[in-house]
Amino acid sequence: CLNKKAINYKYYGGKGIKFKLTMPDVMDLWIRDNAEDMKKPSLDRVNSDKDYSFDNCRFMEHTENCGRANRGRVREHVKKLARILAKDDKALKELADNYLKGGKK
């Protein structure tokens, strides 16, 4: 994703991720990974810090691929919460109060 306004830009273009696959590469991956037998095949990067390249990509079920992506985002939120908790109890109370009022902090 090269569009800086896209929601997921920070996970792709913002990290410098490039798409280096050719159409023949994608076809070879499709055959290698038996993507035709999958319900909803999804292209996945084995190492999410590296580019979309033949050696770093595979097809997998979409639901499994989404689960991998969400784990990273959940970790980010847990780390943020841990930093807040480490600061003081007042910050935690403010966070909880804001959440209960329907805020987005």
PDB file of N, CA and C in Angstrom:
ATOM      1  N   CYS A   1       0.834  -1.179   0.000  1.00  0.00           N
ATOM      2  CA  CYS A   1       0.000   0.000   0.000  1.00  0.00           C
ATOM      3  C   CYS A   1       0.882   1.247   0.000  1.00  0.00           C
ATOM      4  N   LEU A   2       0.765   2.036  -1.018  1.00  0.00           N
ATOM      5  CA  LEU A   2       1.560   3.256  -1.133  1.00  0.00           C
ATOM      6  C   LEU A   2       0.748   4.508  -0.838  1.00  0.00           C
ATOM      7  N   ASN A   3      -0.537   4.350  -0.583  1.00  0.00           N
ATOM      8  CA  ASN A   3      -1.416   5.478  -0.309  1.00  0.00           C
ATOM      9  C   ASN A   3      -1.308   5.864   1.172  1.00  0.00           C
ATOM     10  N   LYS A   4      -0.698   7.006   1.446  1.00  0.00           N
ATOM     11  CA  LYS A   4      -0.473   7.440   2.828  1.00  0.00           C
ATOM     12  C   LYS A   4      -1.770   7.693   3.590  1.00  0.00           C
ATOM     13  N   LYS A   5      -2.879   7.853   2.879  1.00  0.00           N
ATOM     14  CA  LYS A   5      -4.169   8.091   3.531  1.00  0.00           C
ATOM     15  C   LYS A   5      -4.908   6.790   3.858  1.00  0.00           C
ATOM     16  N   ALA A   6      -4.397   5.664   3.383  1.00  0.00           N
ATOM     17  CA  ALA A   6      -5.049   4.376   3.626  1.00  0.00           C
ATOM     18  C   ALA A   6      -4.946   4.000   5.104  1.00  0.00           C
ATOM     19  N   ILE A   7      -5.957   3.334   5.605  1.00  0.00           N
ATOM     20  CA  ILE A   7      -6.025   2.954   7.017  1.00  0.00           C
ATOM     21  C   ILE A   7      -4.829   2.099   7.433  1.00  0.00           C
ATOM     22  N   ASN A   8      -4.443   1.147   6.596  1.00  0.00           N
ATOM     23  CA  ASN A   8      -3.363   0.221   6.948  1.00  0.00           C
ATOM     24  C   ASN A   8      -1.993   0.644   6.428  1.00  0.00           C
ATOM     25  N   TYR A   9      -1.859   1.880   5.983  1.00  0.00           N
ATOM     26  CA  TYR A   9      -0.584   2.347   5.415  1.00  0.00           C
ATOM     27  C   TYR A   9       0.590   2.093   6.358  1.00  0.00           C
ATOM     28  N   LYS A  10       0.396   2.330   7.655  1.00  0.00           N
ATOM     29  CA  LYS A  10       1.511   2.186   8.601  1.00  0.00           C
ATOM     30  C   LYS A  10       2.023   0.751   8.675  1.00  0.00           C
ATOM     31  N   TYR A  11       1.194  -0.228   8.293  1.00  0.00           N
ATOM     32  CA  TYR A  11       1.610  -1.626   8.336  1.00  0.00           C
ATOM     33  C   TYR A  11       2.295  -2.080   7.048  1.00  0.00           C
ATOM     34  N   TYR A  12       2.223  -1.295   5.998  1.00  0.00           N
ATOM     35  CA  TYR A  12       2.786  -1.696   4.711  1.00  0.00           C
ATOM     36  C   TYR A  12       3.732  -0.625   4.187  1.00  0.00           C
ATOM     37  N   GLY A  13       3.226   0.318   3.436  1.00  0.00           N
ATOM     38  CA  GLY A  13       4.062   1.377   2.871  1.00  0.00           C
ATOM     39  C   GLY A  13       4.810   2.163   3.922  1.00  0.00           C
ATOM     40  N   GLY A  14       4.178   2.379   5.063  1.00  0.00           N
ATOM     41  CA  GLY A  14       4.817   3.109   6.154  1.00  0.00           C
ATOM     42  C   GLY A  14       6.001   2.372   6.741  1.00  0.00           C
ATOM     43  N   LYS A  15       6.021   1.045   6.590  1.00  0.00           N
ATOM     44  CA  LYS A  15       7.146   0.233   7.053  1.00  0.00           C
ATOM     45  C   LYS A  15       8.154   0.004   5.932  1.00  0.00           C
ATOM     46  N   GLY A  16       7.883   0.570   4.760  1.00  0.00           N
ATOM     47  CA  GLY A  16       8.782   0.378   3.624  1.00  0.00           C
ATOM     48  C   GLY A  16       8.565  -0.931   2.882  1.00  0.00           C
ATOM     49  N   ILE A  17       7.439  -1.604   3.114  1.00  0.00           N
ATOM     50  CA  ILE A  17       7.142  -2.882   2.464  1.00  0.00           C
ATOM     51  C   ILE A  17       6.872  -2.651   0.981  1.00  0.00           C
ATOM     52  N   LYS A  18       7.520  -3.465   0.144  1.00  0.00           N
ATOM     53  CA  LYS A  18       7.354  -3.357  -1.308  1.00  0.00           C
ATOM     54  C   LYS A  18       6.749  -4.649  -1.855  1.00  0.00           C
ATOM     55  N   PHE A  19       6.034  -4.532  -2.963  1.00  0.00           N
ATOM     56  CA  PHE A  19       5.452  -5.690  -3.641  1.00  0.00           C
ATOM     57  C   PHE A  19       6.372  -6.061  -4.793  1.00  0.00           C
ATOM     58  N   LYS A  20       7.119  -7.154  -4.638  1.00  0.00           N
ATOM     59  CA  LYS A  20       8.120  -7.554  -5.625  1.00  0.00           C
ATOM     60  C   LYS A  20       7.730  -8.822  -6.383  1.00  0.00           C
ATOM     61  N   LEU A  21       6.474  -9.219  -6.291  1.00  0.00           N
ATOM     62  CA  LEU A  21       6.019 -10.428  -6.976  1.00  0.00           C
ATOM     63  C   LEU A  21       5.591 -10.116  -8.401  1.00  0.00           C
ATOM     64  N   THR A  22       5.944 -11.010  -9.310  1.00  0.00           N
ATOM     65  CA  THR A  22       5.452 -10.924 -10.681  1.00  0.00           C
ATOM     66  C   THR A  22       4.229 -11.837 -10.788  1.00  0.00           C
ATOM     67  N   MET A  23       3.493 -11.716 -11.860  1.00  0.00           N
ATOM     68  CA  MET A  23       2.332 -12.590 -12.051  1.00  0.00           C
ATOM     69  C   MET A  23       2.765 -14.059 -12.095  1.00  0.00           C
ATOM     70  N   PRO A  24       3.854 -14.418 -12.795  1.00  0.00           N
ATOM     71  CA  PRO A  24       4.299 -15.820 -12.743  1.00  0.00           C
ATOM     72  C   PRO A  24       4.658 -16.275 -11.320  1.00  0.00           C
ATOM     73  N   ASP A  25       5.228 -15.377 -10.507  1.00  0.00           N
ATOM     74  CA  ASP A  25       5.524 -15.720  -9.107  1.00  0.00           C
ATOM     75  C   ASP A  25       4.242 -16.076  -8.363  1.00  0.00           C
ATOM     76  N   VAL A  26       3.217 -15.252  -8.535  1.00  0.00           N
ATOM     77  CA  VAL A  26       1.940 -15.479  -7.851  1.00  0.00           C
ATOM     78  C   VAL A  26       1.333 -16.804  -8.306  1.00  0.00           C
ATOM     79  N   MET A  27       1.417 -17.089  -9.591  1.00  0.00           N
ATOM     80  CA  MET A  27       0.882 -18.352 -10.113  1.00  0.00           C
ATOM     81  C   MET A  27       1.643 -19.540  -9.523  1.00  0.00           C
ATOM     82  N   ASP A  28       2.982 -19.421  -9.425  1.00  0.00           N
ATOM     83  CA  ASP A  28       3.787 -20.500  -8.839  1.00  0.00           C
ATOM     84  C   ASP A  28       3.451 -20.710  -7.359  1.00  0.00           C
ATOM     85  N   LEU A  29       3.267 -19.619  -6.627  1.00  0.00           N
ATOM     86  CA  LEU A  29       2.882 -19.723  -5.215  1.00  0.00           C
ATOM     87  C   LEU A  29       1.512 -20.385  -5.079  1.00  0.00           C
ATOM     88  N   TRP A  30       0.590 -20.001  -5.963  1.00  0.00           N
ATOM     89  CA  TRP A  30      -0.766 -20.557  -5.964  1.00  0.00           C
ATOM     90  C   TRP A  30      -0.721 -22.078  -6.105  1.00  0.00           C
ATOM     91  N   ILE A  31       0.095 -22.538  -7.049  1.00  0.00           N
ATOM     92  CA  ILE A  31       0.222 -23.983  -7.290  1.00  0.00           C
ATOM     93  C   ILE A  31       0.951 -24.651  -6.128  1.00  0.00           C
ATOM     94  N   ARG A  32       2.077 -24.071  -5.710  1.00  0.00           N
ATOM     95  CA  ARG A  32       2.885 -24.651  -4.630  1.00  0.00           C
ATOM     96  C   ARG A  32       2.074 -24.838  -3.349  1.00  0.00           C
ATOM     97  N   ASP A  33       1.243 -23.828  -3.018  1.00  0.00           N
ATOM     98  CA  ASP A  33       0.512 -23.839  -1.753  1.00  0.00           C
ATOM     99  C   ASP A  33      -0.891 -24.439  -1.860  1.00  0.00           C
ATOM    100  N   ASN A  34      -1.221 -24.981  -3.038  1.00  0.00           N
ATOM    101  CA  ASN A  34      -2.541 -25.582  -3.271  1.00  0.00           C
ATOM    102  C   ASN A  34      -3.677 -24.620  -2.926  1.00  0.00           C
ATOM    103  N   ALA A  35      -3.524 -23.385  -3.333  1.00  0.00           N
ATOM    104  CA  ALA A  35      -4.521 -22.358  -3.020  1.00  0.00           C
ATOM    105  C   ALA A  35      -5.884 -22.668  -3.633  1.00  0.00           C
ATOM    106  N   GLU A  36      -5.895 -23.439  -4.722  1.00  0.00           N
ATOM    107  CA  GLU A  36      -7.182 -23.764  -5.349  1.00  0.00           C
ATOM    108  C   GLU A  36      -8.056 -24.618  -4.436  1.00  0.00           C
ATOM    109  N   ASP A  37      -7.451 -25.278  -3.445  1.00  0.00           N
ATOM    110  CA  ASP A  37      -8.208 -26.105  -2.503  1.00  0.00           C
ATOM    111  C   ASP A  37      -8.681 -25.325  -1.272  1.00  0.00           C
ATOM    112  N   MET A  38      -8.313 -24.057  -1.197  1.00  0.00           N
ATOM    113  CA  MET A  38      -8.686 -23.244  -0.032  1.00  0.00           C
ATOM    114  C   MET A  38     -10.043 -22.584  -0.259  1.00  0.00           C
ATOM    115  N   LYS A  39     -10.780 -22.349   0.826  1.00  0.00           N
ATOM    116  CA  LYS A  39     -12.078 -21.672   0.724  1.00  0.00           C
ATOM    117  C   LYS A  39     -11.900 -20.228   0.276  1.00  0.00           C
ATOM    118  N   LYS A  40     -10.975 -19.523   0.921  1.00  0.00           N
ATOM    119  CA  LYS A  40     -10.734 -18.117   0.603  1.00  0.00           C
ATOM    120  C   LYS A  40      -9.227 -17.846   0.740  1.00  0.00           C
ATOM    121  N   PRO A  41      -8.449 -18.157  -0.318  1.00  0.00           N
ATOM    122  CA  PRO A  41      -6.997 -17.988  -0.236  1.00  0.00           C
ATOM    123  C   PRO A  41      -6.595 -16.527  -0.047  1.00  0.00           C
ATOM    124  N   SER A  42      -5.551 -16.344   0.746  1.00  0.00           N
ATOM    125  CA  SER A  42      -5.050 -15.007   1.044  1.00  0.00           C
ATOM    126  C   SER A  42      -3.526 -15.038   0.982  1.00  0.00           C
ATOM    127  N   LEU A  43      -2.935 -14.027   0.375  1.00  0.00           N
ATOM    128  CA  LEU A  43      -1.479 -13.952   0.269  1.00  0.00           C
ATOM    129  C   LEU A  43      -0.907 -13.432   1.584  1.00  0.00           C
ATOM    130  N   ASP A  44       0.035 -14.179   2.151  1.00  0.00           N
ATOM    131  CA  ASP A  44       0.620 -13.853   3.448  1.00  0.00           C
ATOM    132  C   ASP A  44       2.126 -13.708   3.316  1.00  0.00           C
ATOM    133  N   ARG A  45       2.687 -12.778   4.097  1.00  0.00           N
ATOM    134  CA  ARG A  45       4.147 -12.679   4.199  1.00  0.00           C
ATOM    135  C   ARG A  45       4.588 -13.496   5.408  1.00  0.00           C
ATOM    136  N   VAL A  46       5.528 -14.403   5.225  1.00  0.00           N
ATOM    137  CA  VAL A  46       6.032 -15.231   6.315  1.00  0.00           C
ATOM    138  C   VAL A  46       6.635 -14.331   7.390  1.00  0.00           C
ATOM    139  N   ASN A  47       7.480 -13.399   6.974  1.00  0.00           N
ATOM    140  CA  ASN A  47       8.068 -12.409   7.881  1.00  0.00           C
ATOM    141  C   ASN A  47       7.424 -11.068   7.556  1.00  0.00           C
ATOM    142  N   SER A  48       6.610 -10.559   8.458  1.00  0.00           N
ATOM    143  CA  SER A  48       5.843  -9.340   8.175  1.00  0.00           C
ATOM    144  C   SER A  48       6.701  -8.081   8.107  1.00  0.00           C
ATOM    145  N   ASP A  49       7.981  -8.197   8.428  1.00  0.00           N
ATOM    146  CA  ASP A  49       8.884  -7.050   8.307  1.00  0.00           C
ATOM    147  C   ASP A  49       9.572  -7.009   6.950  1.00  0.00           C
ATOM    148  N   LYS A  50       9.361  -8.043   6.140  1.00  0.00           N
ATOM    149  CA  LYS A  50      10.005  -8.122   4.822  1.00  0.00           C
ATOM    150  C   LYS A  50       8.990  -7.890   3.709  1.00  0.00           C
ATOM    151  N   ASP A  51       9.505  -7.683   2.498  1.00  0.00           N
ATOM    152  CA  ASP A  51       8.687  -7.388   1.324  1.00  0.00           C
ATOM    153  C   ASP A  51       7.835  -8.578   0.888  1.00  0.00           C
ATOM    154  N   TYR A  52       6.887  -8.274   0.004  1.00  0.00           N
ATOM    155  CA  TYR A  52       6.147  -9.314  -0.708  1.00  0.00           C
ATOM    156  C   TYR A  52       7.077  -9.827  -1.801  1.00  0.00           C
ATOM    157  N   SER A  53       7.783 -10.919  -1.531  1.00  0.00           N
ATOM    158  CA  SER A  53       8.684 -11.533  -2.503  1.00  0.00           C
ATOM    159  C   SER A  53       8.394 -13.031  -2.525  1.00  0.00           C
ATOM    160  N   PHE A  54       8.868 -13.707  -3.555  1.00  0.00           N
ATOM    161  CA  PHE A  54       8.562 -15.130  -3.701  1.00  0.00           C
ATOM    162  C   PHE A  54       8.998 -15.923  -2.472  1.00  0.00           C
ATOM    163  N   ASP A  55      10.195 -15.645  -1.961  1.00  0.00           N
ATOM    164  CA  ASP A  55      10.724 -16.402  -0.821  1.00  0.00           C
ATOM    165  C   ASP A  55      10.050 -16.058   0.503  1.00  0.00           C
ATOM    166  N   ASN A  56       9.302 -14.962   0.542  1.00  0.00           N
ATOM    167  CA  ASN A  56       8.684 -14.536   1.795  1.00  0.00           C
ATOM    168  C   ASN A  56       7.154 -14.619   1.761  1.00  0.00           C
ATOM    169  N   CYS A  57       6.599 -15.196   0.722  1.00  0.00           N
ATOM    170  CA  CYS A  57       5.135 -15.238   0.603  1.00  0.00           C
ATOM    171  C   CYS A  57       4.603 -16.655   0.512  1.00  0.00           C
ATOM    172  N   ARG A  58       3.348 -16.775   0.886  1.00  0.00           N
ATOM    173  CA  ARG A  58       2.621 -18.049   0.794  1.00  0.00           C
ATOM    174  C   ARG A  58       1.133 -17.736   0.768  1.00  0.00           C
ATOM    175  N   PHE A  59       0.372 -18.660   0.227  1.00  0.00           N
ATOM    176  CA  PHE A  59      -1.079 -18.559   0.303  1.00  0.00           C
ATOM    177  C   PHE A  59      -1.546 -19.343   1.521  1.00  0.00           C
ATOM    178  N   MET A  60      -2.507 -18.777   2.232  1.00  0.00           N
ATOM    179  CA  MET A  60      -3.117 -19.458   3.369  1.00  0.00           C
ATOM    180  C   MET A  60      -4.581 -19.038   3.445  1.00  0.00           C
ATOM    181  N   GLU A  61      -5.340 -19.740   4.265  1.00  0.00           N
ATOM    182  CA  GLU A  61      -6.751 -19.391   4.431  1.00  0.00           C
ATOM    183  C   GLU A  61      -6.872 -17.969   4.974  1.00  0.00           C
ATOM    184  N   HIS A  62      -7.819 -17.221   4.428  1.00  0.00           N
ATOM    185  CA  HIS A  62      -8.022 -15.830   4.819  1.00  0.00           C
ATOM    186  C   HIS A  62      -8.248 -15.685   6.328  1.00  0.00           C
ATOM    187  N   THR A  63      -9.061 -16.555   6.906  1.00  0.00           N
ATOM    188  CA  THR A  63      -9.354 -16.444   8.342  1.00  0.00           C
ATOM    189  C   THR A  63      -8.094 -16.628   9.181  1.00  0.00           C
ATOM    190  N   GLU A  64      -7.230 -17.542   8.773  1.00  0.00           N
ATOM    191  CA  GLU A  64      -5.973 -17.762   9.496  1.00  0.00           C
ATOM    192  C   GLU A  64      -5.048 -16.554   9.341  1.00  0.00           C
ATOM    193  N   ASN A  65      -5.005 -15.999   8.137  1.00  0.00           N
ATOM    194  CA  ASN A  65      -4.152 -14.844   7.870  1.00  0.00           C
ATOM    195  C   ASN A  65      -4.620 -13.630   8.667  1.00  0.00           C
ATOM    196  N   CYS A  66      -5.914 -13.409   8.754  1.00  0.00           N
ATOM    197  CA  CYS A  66      -6.448 -12.281   9.537  1.00  0.00           C
ATOM    198  C   CYS A  66      -6.101 -12.434  11.007  1.00  0.00           C
ATOM    199  N   GLY A  67      -6.149 -13.638  11.506  1.00  0.00           N
ATOM    200  CA  GLY A  67      -5.791 -13.883  12.900  1.00  0.00           C
ATOM    201  C   GLY A  67      -4.354 -13.529  13.187  1.00  0.00           C
ATOM    202  N   ARG A  68      -3.467 -13.814  12.230  1.00  0.00           N
ATOM    203  CA  ARG A  68      -2.045 -13.466  12.404  1.00  0.00           C
ATOM    204  C   ARG A  68      -1.890 -11.956  12.488  1.00  0.00           C
ATOM    205  N   ALA A  69      -2.562 -11.234  11.634  1.00  0.00           N
ATOM    206  CA  ALA A  69      -2.440  -9.772  11.601  1.00  0.00           C
ATOM    207  C   ALA A  69      -2.989  -9.147  12.872  1.00  0.00           C
ATOM    208  N   ASN A  70      -4.117  -9.639  13.347  1.00  0.00           N
ATOM    209  CA  ASN A  70      -4.742  -9.054  14.532  1.00  0.00           C
ATOM    210  C   ASN A  70      -3.921  -9.267  15.793  1.00  0.00           C
ATOM    211  N   ARG A  71      -3.184 -10.386  15.873  1.00  0.00           N
ATOM    212  CA  ARG A  71      -2.356 -10.622  17.058  1.00  0.00           C
ATOM    213  C   ARG A  71      -1.344  -9.502  17.236  1.00  0.00           C
ATOM    214  N   GLY A  72      -0.759  -9.036  16.151  1.00  0.00           N
ATOM    215  CA  GLY A  72       0.206  -7.944  16.232  1.00  0.00           C
ATOM    216  C   GLY A  72      -0.440  -6.659  16.704  1.00  0.00           C
ATOM    217  N   ARG A  73      -1.618  -6.372  16.218  1.00  0.00           N
ATOM    218  CA  ARG A  73      -2.321  -5.148  16.617  1.00  0.00           C
ATOM    219  C   ARG A  73      -2.765  -5.220  18.076  1.00  0.00           C
ATOM    220  N   VAL A  74      -3.183  -6.399  18.510  1.00  0.00           N
ATOM    221  CA  VAL A  74      -3.578  -6.559  19.910  1.00  0.00           C
ATOM    222  C   VAL A  74      -2.366  -6.332  20.804  1.00  0.00           C
ATOM    223  N   ARG A  75      -1.197  -6.869  20.406  1.00  0.00           N
ATOM    224  CA  ARG A  75       0.022  -6.657  21.185  1.00  0.00           C
ATOM    225  C   ARG A  75       0.332  -5.176  21.330  1.00  0.00           C
ATOM    226  N   GLU A  76       0.141  -4.400  20.260  1.00  0.00           N
ATOM    227  CA  GLU A  76       0.384  -2.955  20.321  1.00  0.00           C
ATOM    228  C   GLU A  76      -0.502  -2.311  21.382  1.00  0.00           C
ATOM    229  N   HIS A  77      -1.778  -2.691  21.418  1.00  0.00           N
ATOM    230  CA  HIS A  77      -2.714  -2.117  22.385  1.00  0.00           C
ATOM    231  C   HIS A  77      -2.366  -2.539  23.816  1.00  0.00           C
ATOM    232  N   VAL A  78      -1.942  -3.781  23.988  1.00  0.00           N
ATOM    233  CA  VAL A  78      -1.563  -4.262  25.319  1.00  0.00           C
ATOM    234  C   VAL A  78      -0.331  -3.510  25.815  1.00  0.00           C
ATOM    235  N   LYS A  79       0.637  -3.290  24.931  1.00  0.00           N
ATOM    236  CA  LYS A  79       1.836  -2.536  25.322  1.00  0.00           C
ATOM    237  C   LYS A  79       1.468  -1.113  25.722  1.00  0.00           C
ATOM    238  N   LYS A  80       0.569  -0.500  24.964  1.00  0.00           N
ATOM    239  CA  LYS A  80       0.133   0.862  25.278  1.00  0.00           C
ATOM    240  C   LYS A  80      -0.536   0.896  26.649  1.00  0.00           C
ATOM    241  N   LEU A  81      -1.397  -0.061  26.915  1.00  0.00           N
ATOM    242  CA  LEU A  81      -2.074  -0.131  28.206  1.00  0.00           C
ATOM    243  C   LEU A  81      -1.063  -0.357  29.329  1.00  0.00           C
ATOM    244  N   ALA A  82      -0.081  -1.224  29.100  1.00  0.00           N
ATOM    245  CA  ALA A  82       0.943  -1.484  30.120  1.00  0.00           C
ATOM    246  C   ALA A  82       1.727  -0.217  30.450  1.00  0.00           C
ATOM    247  N   ARG A  83       2.035   0.589  29.430  1.00  0.00           N
ATOM    248  CA  ARG A  83       2.746   1.852  29.677  1.00  0.00           C
ATOM    249  C   ARG A  83       1.884   2.792  30.515  1.00  0.00           C
ATOM    250  N   ILE A  84       0.595   2.836  30.229  1.00  0.00           N
ATOM    251  CA  ILE A  84      -0.318   3.689  30.999  1.00  0.00           C
ATOM    252  C   ILE A  84      -0.378   3.215  32.448  1.00  0.00           C
ATOM    253  N   LEU A  85      -0.515   1.907  32.636  1.00  0.00           N
ATOM    254  CA  LEU A  85      -0.607   1.357  33.990  1.00  0.00           C
ATOM    255  C   LEU A  85       0.677   1.587  34.776  1.00  0.00           C
ATOM    256  N   ALA A  86       1.804   1.538  34.090  1.00  0.00           N
ATOM    257  CA  ALA A  86       3.091   1.724  34.755  1.00  0.00           C
ATOM    258  C   ALA A  86       3.265   3.154  35.258  1.00  0.00           C
ATOM    259  N   LYS A  87       2.588   4.102  34.640  1.00  0.00           N
ATOM    260  CA  LYS A  87       2.748   5.509  35.033  1.00  0.00           C
ATOM    261  C   LYS A  87       2.104   5.780  36.388  1.00  0.00           C
ATOM    262  N   ASP A  88       0.831   5.581  36.497  1.00  0.00           N
ATOM    263  CA  ASP A  88       0.151   5.800  37.779  1.00  0.00           C
ATOM    264  C   ASP A  88      -1.309   5.374  37.708  1.00  0.00           C
ATOM    265  N   ASP A  89      -1.916   5.260  38.873  1.00  0.00           N
ATOM    266  CA  ASP A  89      -3.312   4.838  38.955  1.00  0.00           C
ATOM    267  C   ASP A  89      -4.272   5.900  38.429  1.00  0.00           C
ATOM    268  N   LYS A  90      -3.876   7.167  38.506  1.00  0.00           N
ATOM    269  CA  LYS A  90      -4.736   8.250  38.031  1.00  0.00           C
ATOM    270  C   LYS A  90      -4.992   8.091  36.527  1.00  0.00           C
ATOM    271  N   ALA A  91      -3.936   7.744  35.785  1.00  0.00           N
ATOM    272  CA  ALA A  91      -4.083   7.557  34.337  1.00  0.00           C
ATOM    273  C   ALA A  91      -5.042   6.409  34.045  1.00  0.00           C
ATOM    274  N   LEU A  92      -4.955   5.342  34.824  1.00  0.00           N
ATOM    275  CA  LEU A  92      -5.852   4.197  34.634  1.00  0.00           C
ATOM    276  C   LEU A  92      -7.300   4.601  34.914  1.00  0.00           C
ATOM    277  N   LYS A  93      -7.520   5.365  35.984  1.00  0.00           N
ATOM    278  CA  LYS A  93      -8.869   5.817  36.312  1.00  0.00           C
ATOM    279  C   LYS A  93      -9.431   6.686  35.193  1.00  0.00           C
ATOM    280  N   GLU A  94      -8.602   7.592  34.656  1.00  0.00           N
ATOM    281  CA  GLU A  94      -9.051   8.453  33.558  1.00  0.00           C
ATOM    282  C   GLU A  94      -9.402   7.624  32.329  1.00  0.00           C
ATOM    283  N   LEU A  95      -8.575   6.625  32.044  1.00  0.00           N
ATOM    284  CA  LEU A  95      -8.824   5.750  30.899  1.00  0.00           C
ATOM    285  C   LEU A  95     -10.147   5.006  31.079  1.00  0.00           C
ATOM    286  N   ALA A  96     -10.351   4.450  32.262  1.00  0.00           N
ATOM    287  CA  ALA A  96     -11.580   3.701  32.536  1.00  0.00           C
ATOM    288  C   ALA A  96     -12.802   4.614  32.476  1.00  0.00           C
ATOM    289  N   ASP A  97     -12.703   5.795  33.084  1.00  0.00           N
ATOM    290  CA  ASP A  97     -13.823   6.745  33.058  1.00  0.00           C
ATOM    291  C   ASP A  97     -14.176   7.137  31.629  1.00  0.00           C
ATOM    292  N   ASN A  98     -13.154   7.408  30.836  1.00  0.00           N
ATOM    293  CA  ASN A  98     -13.374   7.810  29.447  1.00  0.00           C
ATOM    294  C   ASN A  98     -14.030   6.679  28.660  1.00  0.00           C
ATOM    295  N   TYR A  99     -13.583   5.451  28.892  1.00  0.00           N
ATOM    296  CA  TYR A  99     -14.156   4.293  28.213  1.00  0.00           C
ATOM    297  C   TYR A  99     -15.635   4.136  28.575  1.00  0.00           C
ATOM    298  N   LEU A 100     -15.933   4.271  29.853  1.00  0.00           N
ATOM    299  CA  LEU A 100     -17.315   4.104  30.304  1.00  0.00           C
ATOM    300  C   LEU A 100     -18.232   5.195  29.767  1.00  0.00           C
ATOM    301  N   LYS A 101     -17.668   6.355  29.474  1.00  0.00           N
ATOM    302  CA  LYS A 101     -18.451   7.457  28.907  1.00  0.00           C
ATOM    303  C   LYS A 101     -18.550   7.349  27.386  1.00  0.00           C
ATOM    304  N   GLY A 102     -17.884   6.334  26.806  1.00  0.00           N
ATOM    305  CA  GLY A 102     -17.941   6.135  25.359  1.00  0.00           C
ATOM    306  C   GLY A 102     -16.885   6.901  24.596  1.00  0.00           C
ATOM    307  N   GLY A 103     -15.852   7.358  25.281  1.00  0.00           N
ATOM    308  CA  GLY A 103     -14.770   8.085  24.626  1.00  0.00           C
ATOM    309  C   GLY A 103     -13.835   7.163  23.880  1.00  0.00           C
ATOM    310  N   LYS A 104     -12.847   7.750  23.219  1.00  0.00           N
ATOM    311  CA  LYS A 104     -11.937   6.951  22.395  1.00  0.00           C
ATOM    312  C   LYS A 104     -10.485   7.069  22.831  1.00  0.00           C
ATOM    313  N   LYS A 105     -10.220   7.466  24.045  1.00  0.00           N
ATOM    314  CA  LYS A 105      -8.827   7.582  24.497  1.00  0.00           C
ATOM    315  C   LYS A 105      -8.261   6.252  24.842  1.00  0.00           C
TER     316      LYS A 105
END
